[in-house]
Amino acid sequence: MDANQEEPSGPSTRTVLIWALAIATLLGWSTVAFVYVGMNAFGRTLSFPRALIAGLPDWYLWAAVTPGVFRLAQRITLSRSHWGAFALHAVLGTIVVLTELAIITALNRALGIPTFAGNWSDAYLRIVLGYFHLNFMVYWVIVAAAQATRYYRSYRERAMVALRLETERNRAALSALQMQLQPHFFFNTLHTIATLVRDNRSEAATDTIARLGTLFRQALGSAHRTVVSLREELAFVSGYLEIEQLRFADRLTVSMRIDDETLEAQIPSMALQPLVENAIRHGIARDPSASNVAVVAARRNGSLRVEVRNDGPAYDPGAGGGHGVGLQNVRERMRLLYGADFTLTAAAGEAGGAVVALEVPWERP
């Protein structure tokens, strides 16, 4: 292991000890039951206190040393490129097991257990020969648990870092797309003002400039927010439509059919203005007889559905009505925000014209 590599934080010593005690209790009492029932079943009388002495101390001793072994195993990690770690754990495991068995031998001799009577070294040798392999396996189980915990936490931390990086990339991309929309909208509005000036409609041009200033204050006010309420978005769209009504004089008629429950639903900032602009550009502006733009919003199952409808020329997919800069921008922003969990469609209206529908997951603050 690289000494400069930062260790992923693991479970606390208290947590490890609690788990070790719980497992030791389960295994210890299982051992007690097995020894007590088994010995008496085969006619070898064993008192319950003797069964407790035979089954519990070893496991609880392991519970006591588990936090230390666990921490040690997290520092000395096992990997194919560091075979020395296996050898080191083999040595440390041997030391831990021999020490643990020495304590068990001393405890049993102190309690006067007959099988541990006589010479201390003989008793210790018997328990080492009989139980070393089992206790050595227990050591490696603790090491394996520590390694598994370390790798799992390392995996989760890498996943969280990757998620944070992806979130930051998406936030940067969303910000760039939103900043792209503002000059797009600004230059289109300047074109409207130029048209009014050419038509000698100076008063309308002056009103448009004033309304443009108001809209930009609104846009800048929400520039740091990815989503806003539908109420706020409709207020911005209404300001934009007022500018367009100045441009088309009395020819542009706007209607809004908005369900009250949708007003606080969340929608990406500046998502509707490009849809409305698209309806005017490819409907009203192209057909002198066209005049109607409608915005409809309703809750549909678990989604917010907003439709922008216009009359005028029949929808033609090849005419660019669904592929302009504004709609491409909106579609990309939806993809970054919702993945595949949104729809943005353009289709012919039942009575002519076009219907552009945006459907996003239903969210309220």
Protein backbone atom coordinates (compact mmCIF):
# COMPACT_ATOMS: atom_id res chain seq x y z
CA MET A 1 0.00 0.00 0.00
CA ASP A 2 1.24 3.48 -0.84
CA ALA A 3 2.03 5.32 2.36
CA ASN A 4 0.82 8.59 0.81
CA GLN A 5 -2.50 7.16 -0.29
CA GLU A 6 -5.40 8.43 1.77
CA GLU A 7 -7.29 5.64 3.47
CA PRO A 8 -11.03 5.55 2.98
CA SER A 9 -12.73 6.08 6.34
CA GLY A 10 -14.07 2.85 7.77
CA PRO A 11 -16.61 2.00 10.46
CA SER A 12 -15.81 3.30 13.93
CA THR A 13 -14.14 1.12 16.55
CA ARG A 14 -17.38 1.17 18.54
CA THR A 15 -19.35 -0.08 15.54
CA VAL A 16 -16.85 -2.87 14.88
CA LEU A 17 -16.92 -3.88 18.55
CA ILE A 18 -20.72 -3.94 18.65
CA TRP A 19 -20.86 -6.18 15.57
CA ALA A 20 -18.10 -8.40 16.97
CA LEU A 21 -19.94 -8.79 20.28
CA ALA A 22 -23.19 -9.60 18.50
CA ILE A 23 -21.53 -12.27 16.34
CA ALA A 24 -19.56 -13.63 19.32
CA THR A 25 -22.78 -13.90 21.31
CA LEU A 26 -24.49 -15.81 18.51
CA LEU A 27 -21.56 -18.17 17.93
CA GLY A 28 -20.70 -18.52 21.62
CA TRP A 29 -24.16 -19.51 22.73
CA SER A 30 -24.51 -21.80 19.72
CA THR A 31 -21.28 -23.49 20.80
CA VAL A 32 -22.54 -23.77 24.38
CA ALA A 33 -25.77 -25.41 23.21
CA PHE A 34 -23.92 -27.74 20.84
CA VAL A 35 -21.38 -28.87 23.49
CA TYR A 36 -23.92 -29.22 26.29
CA VAL A 37 -26.53 -31.14 24.28
CA GLY A 38 -23.97 -33.16 22.34
CA MET A 39 -21.94 -34.31 25.34
CA ASN A 40 -24.99 -35.28 27.36
CA ALA A 41 -26.57 -37.01 24.36
CA PHE A 42 -23.56 -39.29 24.11
CA GLY A 43 -23.66 -40.13 27.81
CA ARG A 44 -20.77 -37.88 28.83
CA THR A 45 -22.32 -35.79 31.59
CA LEU A 46 -21.43 -32.10 31.32
CA SER A 47 -22.80 -29.41 33.60
CA PHE A 48 -24.16 -26.24 32.07
CA PRO A 49 -21.56 -23.99 33.79
CA ARG A 50 -18.80 -26.17 32.30
CA ALA A 51 -20.47 -25.82 28.88
CA LEU A 52 -20.46 -22.03 29.33
CA ILE A 53 -16.75 -22.07 30.12
CA ALA A 54 -16.11 -24.23 27.05
CA GLY A 55 -18.14 -22.10 24.67
CA LEU A 56 -18.13 -18.44 25.61
CA PRO A 57 -14.66 -17.15 26.64
CA ASP A 58 -12.95 -17.95 23.32
CA TRP A 59 -15.54 -16.09 21.23
CA TYR A 60 -15.72 -13.07 23.53
CA LEU A 61 -11.95 -12.86 23.57
CA TRP A 62 -12.05 -12.72 19.77
CA ALA A 63 -14.72 -10.00 20.01
CA ALA A 64 -12.35 -7.97 22.19
CA VAL A 65 -9.43 -8.18 19.76
CA THR A 66 -11.53 -7.80 16.59
CA PRO A 67 -11.41 -3.94 16.42
CA GLY A 68 -7.59 -4.02 16.55
CA VAL A 69 -7.31 -6.78 13.94
CA PHE A 70 -9.92 -4.98 11.80
CA ARG A 71 -7.97 -1.69 11.82
CA LEU A 72 -4.74 -3.54 11.13
CA ALA A 73 -6.30 -5.35 8.18
CA GLN A 74 -7.56 -2.07 6.71
CA ARG A 75 -4.06 -0.65 6.80
CA ILE A 76 -2.27 -3.72 5.49
CA THR A 77 -4.35 -4.33 2.37
CA LEU A 78 -4.24 -7.51 0.36
CA SER A 79 -3.65 -7.30 -3.38
CA ARG A 80 -1.99 -9.21 -6.16
CA SER A 81 0.73 -6.61 -6.41
CA HIS A 82 1.57 -6.78 -2.69
CA TRP A 83 2.08 -10.45 -1.85
CA GLY A 84 4.14 -9.39 1.16
CA ALA A 85 0.86 -8.35 2.85
CA PHE A 86 -0.27 -11.99 2.87
CA ALA A 87 2.98 -13.08 4.53
CA LEU A 88 2.75 -10.25 7.05
CA HIS A 89 -0.82 -11.18 7.96
CA ALA A 90 0.23 -14.84 8.29
CA VAL A 91 2.88 -13.81 10.84
CA LEU A 92 0.57 -11.39 12.68
CA GLY A 93 -2.26 -13.93 12.64
CA THR A 94 0.02 -16.56 14.16
CA ILE A 95 1.06 -14.16 16.93
CA VAL A 96 -2.55 -13.16 17.66
CA VAL A 97 -3.79 -16.77 17.71
CA LEU A 98 -0.95 -18.04 19.91
CA THR A 99 -1.54 -15.17 22.33
CA GLU A 100 -5.29 -15.80 22.36
CA LEU A 101 -4.78 -19.51 23.04
CA ALA A 102 -2.31 -18.71 25.83
CA ILE A 103 -4.97 -16.54 27.51
CA ILE A 104 -7.58 -19.27 27.12
CA THR A 105 -5.18 -21.82 28.63
CA ALA A 106 -4.46 -19.55 31.60
CA LEU A 107 -8.18 -18.85 32.10
CA ASN A 108 -9.12 -22.53 32.06
CA ARG A 109 -6.30 -23.43 34.48
CA ALA A 110 -7.45 -20.63 36.81
CA LEU A 111 -10.98 -22.04 36.72
CA GLY A 112 -9.67 -25.49 37.54
CA ILE A 113 -10.76 -27.22 34.33
CA PRO A 114 -9.33 -30.79 34.60
CA THR A 115 -8.23 -31.02 30.97
CA PHE A 116 -5.90 -28.07 31.58
CA ALA A 117 -4.37 -29.43 34.78
CA GLY A 118 -0.75 -30.47 35.06
CA ASN A 119 2.20 -28.84 33.35
CA TRP A 120 1.28 -25.44 31.77
CA SER A 121 3.35 -26.01 28.66
CA ASP A 122 1.71 -29.39 28.03
CA ALA A 123 -1.77 -27.93 28.39
CA TYR A 124 -0.87 -25.03 26.10
CA LEU A 125 0.62 -27.38 23.50
CA ARG A 126 -2.56 -29.51 23.51
CA ILE A 127 -4.83 -26.53 22.92
CA VAL A 128 -2.53 -25.15 20.19
CA LEU A 129 -2.48 -28.50 18.36
CA GLY A 130 -6.23 -28.87 18.69
CA TYR A 131 -7.48 -25.34 18.03
CA PHE A 132 -4.81 -23.32 16.23
CA HIS A 133 -6.25 -23.96 12.75
CA LEU A 134 -9.79 -22.92 13.77
CA ASN A 135 -8.61 -19.71 15.44
CA PHE A 136 -6.29 -18.93 12.54
CA MET A 137 -9.33 -19.15 10.25
CA VAL A 138 -11.18 -16.73 12.54
CA TYR A 139 -8.31 -14.25 12.15
CA TRP A 140 -8.54 -14.46 8.35
CA VAL A 141 -12.33 -14.05 8.45
CA ILE A 142 -11.83 -10.75 10.29
CA VAL A 143 -9.17 -9.73 7.74
CA ALA A 144 -11.53 -10.62 4.88
CA ALA A 145 -14.36 -8.61 6.47
CA ALA A 146 -12.06 -5.60 6.86
CA GLN A 147 -10.90 -5.88 3.25
CA ALA A 148 -14.45 -6.21 1.96
CA THR A 149 -15.55 -3.18 4.00
CA ARG A 150 -12.61 -1.14 2.77
CA TYR A 151 -13.17 -1.96 -0.89
CA TYR A 152 -16.90 -1.36 -0.61
CA ARG A 153 -16.38 2.06 0.97
CA SER A 154 -13.70 2.87 -1.58
CA TYR A 155 -16.11 1.90 -4.37
CA ARG A 156 -18.86 4.08 -2.89
CA GLU A 157 -16.50 7.03 -2.53
CA ARG A 158 -15.36 6.70 -6.14
CA ALA A 159 -18.97 6.46 -7.22
CA MET A 160 -19.83 9.60 -5.24
CA VAL A 161 -16.88 11.48 -6.71
CA ALA A 162 -17.93 10.41 -10.22
CA LEU A 163 -21.50 11.51 -9.49
CA ARG A 164 -20.33 14.89 -8.21
CA LEU A 165 -18.15 15.38 -11.29
CA GLU A 166 -21.05 14.41 -13.56
CA THR A 167 -23.33 16.80 -11.69
CA GLU A 168 -20.82 19.62 -12.05
CA ARG A 169 -20.41 18.88 -15.77
CA ASN A 170 -24.18 18.91 -16.22
CA ARG A 171 -24.52 22.13 -14.23
CA ALA A 172 -21.85 23.79 -16.36
CA ALA A 173 -23.50 22.55 -19.55
CA LEU A 174 -26.91 23.79 -18.37
CA SER A 175 -25.46 27.17 -17.52
CA ALA A 176 -23.84 27.41 -20.95
CA LEU A 177 -27.10 26.49 -22.67
CA GLN A 178 -29.05 29.00 -20.63
CA MET A 179 -26.53 31.72 -21.45
CA GLN A 180 -26.86 30.73 -25.11
CA LEU A 181 -30.61 31.29 -24.97
CA GLN A 182 -30.35 34.82 -23.63
CA PRO A 183 -28.40 36.33 -26.56
CA HIS A 184 -30.53 34.25 -28.96
CA PHE A 185 -33.65 35.81 -27.49
CA PHE A 186 -31.99 39.23 -27.28
CA PHE A 187 -31.00 39.33 -30.97
CA ASN A 188 -34.43 38.14 -32.05
CA THR A 189 -36.01 40.94 -30.05
CA LEU A 190 -33.60 43.47 -31.57
CA HIS A 191 -34.78 42.24 -34.96
CA THR A 192 -38.35 42.94 -33.84
CA ILE A 193 -37.35 46.47 -32.79
CA ALA A 194 -35.59 47.03 -36.14
CA THR A 195 -38.74 45.91 -37.95
CA LEU A 196 -40.86 48.37 -35.95
CA VAL A 197 -38.43 51.21 -36.71
CA ARG A 198 -38.48 50.39 -40.45
CA ASP A 199 -42.26 50.50 -40.35
CA ASN A 200 -42.11 53.96 -38.72
CA ARG A 201 -43.74 52.62 -35.56
CA SER A 202 -41.46 54.52 -33.20
CA GLU A 203 -43.83 54.41 -30.24
CA ALA A 204 -44.12 50.63 -30.49
CA ALA A 205 -40.33 50.39 -30.84
CA THR A 206 -39.87 52.49 -27.67
CA ASP A 207 -42.34 50.33 -25.75
CA THR A 208 -40.54 47.21 -26.98
CA ILE A 209 -37.19 48.50 -25.71
CA ALA A 210 -38.74 49.23 -22.31
CA ARG A 211 -40.33 45.79 -22.12
CA LEU A 212 -37.06 44.20 -23.25
CA GLY A 213 -35.30 45.81 -20.28
CA THR A 214 -37.92 44.37 -17.93
CA LEU A 215 -37.52 40.92 -19.45
CA PHE A 216 -33.78 41.00 -19.10
CA ARG A 217 -34.07 41.90 -15.44
CA GLN A 218 -36.33 38.87 -15.03
CA ALA A 219 -33.92 36.64 -16.97
CA LEU A 220 -30.90 37.80 -14.98
CA GLY A 221 -32.82 37.32 -11.75
CA SER A 222 -33.31 33.63 -12.47
CA ALA A 223 -29.97 33.05 -14.23
CA HIS A 224 -28.56 31.19 -11.19
CA ARG A 225 -31.59 28.88 -10.95
CA THR A 226 -31.95 25.75 -13.02
CA VAL A 227 -35.68 25.41 -12.44
CA VAL A 228 -38.41 27.89 -11.57
CA SER A 229 -42.13 27.64 -10.89
CA LEU A 230 -44.45 27.55 -13.87
CA ARG A 231 -45.95 30.77 -12.52
CA GLU A 232 -42.60 32.57 -12.91
CA GLU A 233 -41.98 31.06 -16.33
CA LEU A 234 -45.42 32.15 -17.56
CA ALA A 235 -44.77 35.70 -16.29
CA PHE A 236 -41.63 35.81 -18.42
CA VAL A 237 -43.45 34.37 -21.45
CA SER A 238 -46.24 36.91 -21.00
CA GLY A 239 -43.69 39.73 -21.15
CA TYR A 240 -42.21 38.26 -24.32
CA LEU A 241 -45.68 37.92 -25.89
CA GLU A 242 -46.43 41.56 -25.12
CA ILE A 243 -43.40 42.49 -27.22
CA GLU A 244 -44.57 40.25 -30.06
CA GLN A 245 -48.08 41.75 -29.87
CA LEU A 246 -46.53 45.18 -30.40
CA ARG A 247 -44.79 43.77 -33.47
CA PHE A 248 -47.92 42.17 -34.96
CA ALA A 249 -50.27 44.92 -33.75
CA ASP A 250 -53.79 43.54 -33.39
CA ARG A 251 -53.14 40.35 -35.33
CA LEU A 252 -51.65 38.25 -32.52
CA THR A 253 -54.14 36.79 -30.08
CA VAL A 254 -52.84 34.93 -27.04
CA SER A 255 -54.78 32.59 -24.77
CA MET A 256 -53.58 30.68 -21.72
CA ARG A 257 -55.40 27.72 -20.22
CA ILE A 258 -53.42 26.87 -17.10
CA ASP A 259 -54.67 24.48 -14.40
CA ASP A 260 -54.26 26.15 -11.02
CA GLU A 261 -52.45 23.16 -9.50
CA THR A 262 -49.67 23.49 -12.07
CA LEU A 263 -48.66 27.04 -11.18
CA GLU A 264 -46.18 25.97 -8.51
CA ALA A 265 -44.89 22.98 -10.47
CA GLN A 266 -41.19 23.19 -11.33
CA ILE A 267 -40.04 23.71 -14.90
CA PRO A 268 -36.57 24.52 -16.31
CA SER A 269 -35.93 28.24 -16.52
CA MET A 270 -36.55 29.75 -19.99
CA ALA A 271 -37.99 26.50 -21.31
CA LEU A 272 -41.28 27.90 -22.62
CA GLN A 273 -40.12 31.10 -24.33
CA PRO A 274 -38.36 29.20 -27.17
CA LEU A 275 -41.53 27.12 -27.70
CA VAL A 276 -43.68 30.24 -27.94
CA GLU A 277 -41.12 31.95 -30.19
CA ASN A 278 -41.13 28.86 -32.40
CA ALA A 279 -44.95 29.02 -32.67
CA ILE A 280 -44.87 32.68 -33.72
CA ARG A 281 -41.94 32.35 -36.11
CA HIS A 282 -43.21 29.27 -37.93
CA GLY A 283 -46.92 30.01 -37.66
CA ILE A 284 -48.02 33.60 -37.24
CA ALA A 285 -45.10 35.19 -39.12
CA ARG A 286 -45.49 32.89 -42.12
CA ASP A 287 -49.25 33.19 -42.62
CA PRO A 288 -50.97 36.60 -42.59
CA SER A 289 -54.27 34.88 -41.79
CA ALA A 290 -52.86 33.16 -38.71
CA SER A 291 -53.31 34.92 -35.38
CA ASN A 292 -53.69 32.55 -32.47
CA VAL A 293 -51.15 31.23 -29.99
CA ALA A 294 -52.34 29.17 -27.02
CA VAL A 295 -50.42 27.93 -23.99
CA VAL A 296 -52.00 25.00 -22.14
CA ALA A 297 -50.66 23.43 -18.94
CA ALA A 298 -52.03 20.48 -16.99
CA ARG A 299 -50.93 17.65 -14.76
CA ARG A 300 -50.81 14.37 -16.61
CA ASN A 301 -50.26 11.35 -14.39
CA GLY A 302 -46.88 12.01 -12.79
CA SER A 303 -45.84 14.72 -15.25
CA LEU A 304 -46.33 18.39 -16.01
CA ARG A 305 -47.44 18.76 -19.62
CA VAL A 306 -47.27 22.15 -21.34
CA GLU A 307 -48.46 22.61 -24.92
CA VAL A 308 -47.90 25.61 -27.18
CA ARG A 309 -50.35 25.70 -30.09
CA ASN A 310 -50.61 27.97 -33.08
CA ASP A 311 -52.71 28.22 -36.21
CA GLY A 312 -51.26 28.92 -39.62
CA PRO A 313 -49.34 26.62 -41.97
CA ALA A 314 -49.69 22.91 -41.32
CA TYR A 315 -46.77 21.47 -39.40
CA ASP A 316 -43.97 20.34 -41.69
CA PRO A 317 -41.08 18.43 -40.02
CA GLY A 318 -38.79 19.40 -42.87
CA ALA A 319 -39.39 23.12 -42.47
CA GLY A 320 -37.35 23.42 -39.27
CA GLY A 321 -40.29 23.97 -36.96
CA GLY A 322 -38.99 21.37 -34.53
CA HIS A 323 -35.26 21.77 -35.05
CA GLY A 324 -34.43 25.46 -34.47
CA VAL A 325 -31.73 26.69 -32.13
CA GLY A 326 -34.26 27.35 -29.37
CA LEU A 327 -35.86 23.91 -29.49
CA GLN A 328 -32.52 22.14 -29.81
CA ASN A 329 -31.36 24.07 -26.76
CA VAL A 330 -34.46 23.13 -24.77
CA ARG A 331 -34.15 19.46 -25.76
CA GLU A 332 -30.50 19.34 -24.67
CA ARG A 333 -31.29 21.01 -21.35
CA MET A 334 -34.10 18.54 -20.70
CA ARG A 335 -31.74 15.66 -21.46
CA LEU A 336 -29.18 16.97 -18.97
CA LEU A 337 -31.79 17.53 -16.28
CA TYR A 338 -34.04 14.50 -16.71
CA GLY A 339 -32.12 11.98 -18.80
CA ALA A 340 -34.74 10.07 -20.78
CA ASP A 341 -37.56 11.04 -18.41
CA PHE A 342 -39.06 13.82 -20.55
CA THR A 343 -40.69 14.33 -23.95
CA LEU A 344 -40.52 17.25 -26.36
CA THR A 345 -42.61 16.70 -29.47
CA ALA A 346 -43.83 18.76 -32.41
CA ALA A 347 -46.85 17.68 -34.42
CA ALA A 348 -49.66 18.99 -36.61
CA GLY A 349 -52.66 20.45 -34.80
CA GLU A 350 -56.10 18.95 -35.25
CA ALA A 351 -57.36 22.14 -36.94
CA GLY A 352 -54.09 22.97 -38.68
CA GLY A 353 -51.03 24.75 -37.44
CA ALA A 354 -48.73 23.00 -34.98
CA VAL A 355 -48.59 21.77 -31.40
CA VAL A 356 -45.29 21.61 -29.52
CA ALA A 357 -45.61 19.68 -26.24
CA LEU A 358 -43.15 19.53 -23.37
CA GLU A 359 -43.65 16.95 -20.64
CA VAL A 360 -41.37 16.81 -17.58
CA PRO A 361 -41.58 14.99 -14.23
CA TRP A 362 -44.03 16.53 -11.76
CA GLU A 363 -42.12 18.39 -9.07
CA ARG A 364 -43.19 20.98 -6.55
CA PRO A 365 -40.98 22.89 -4.07
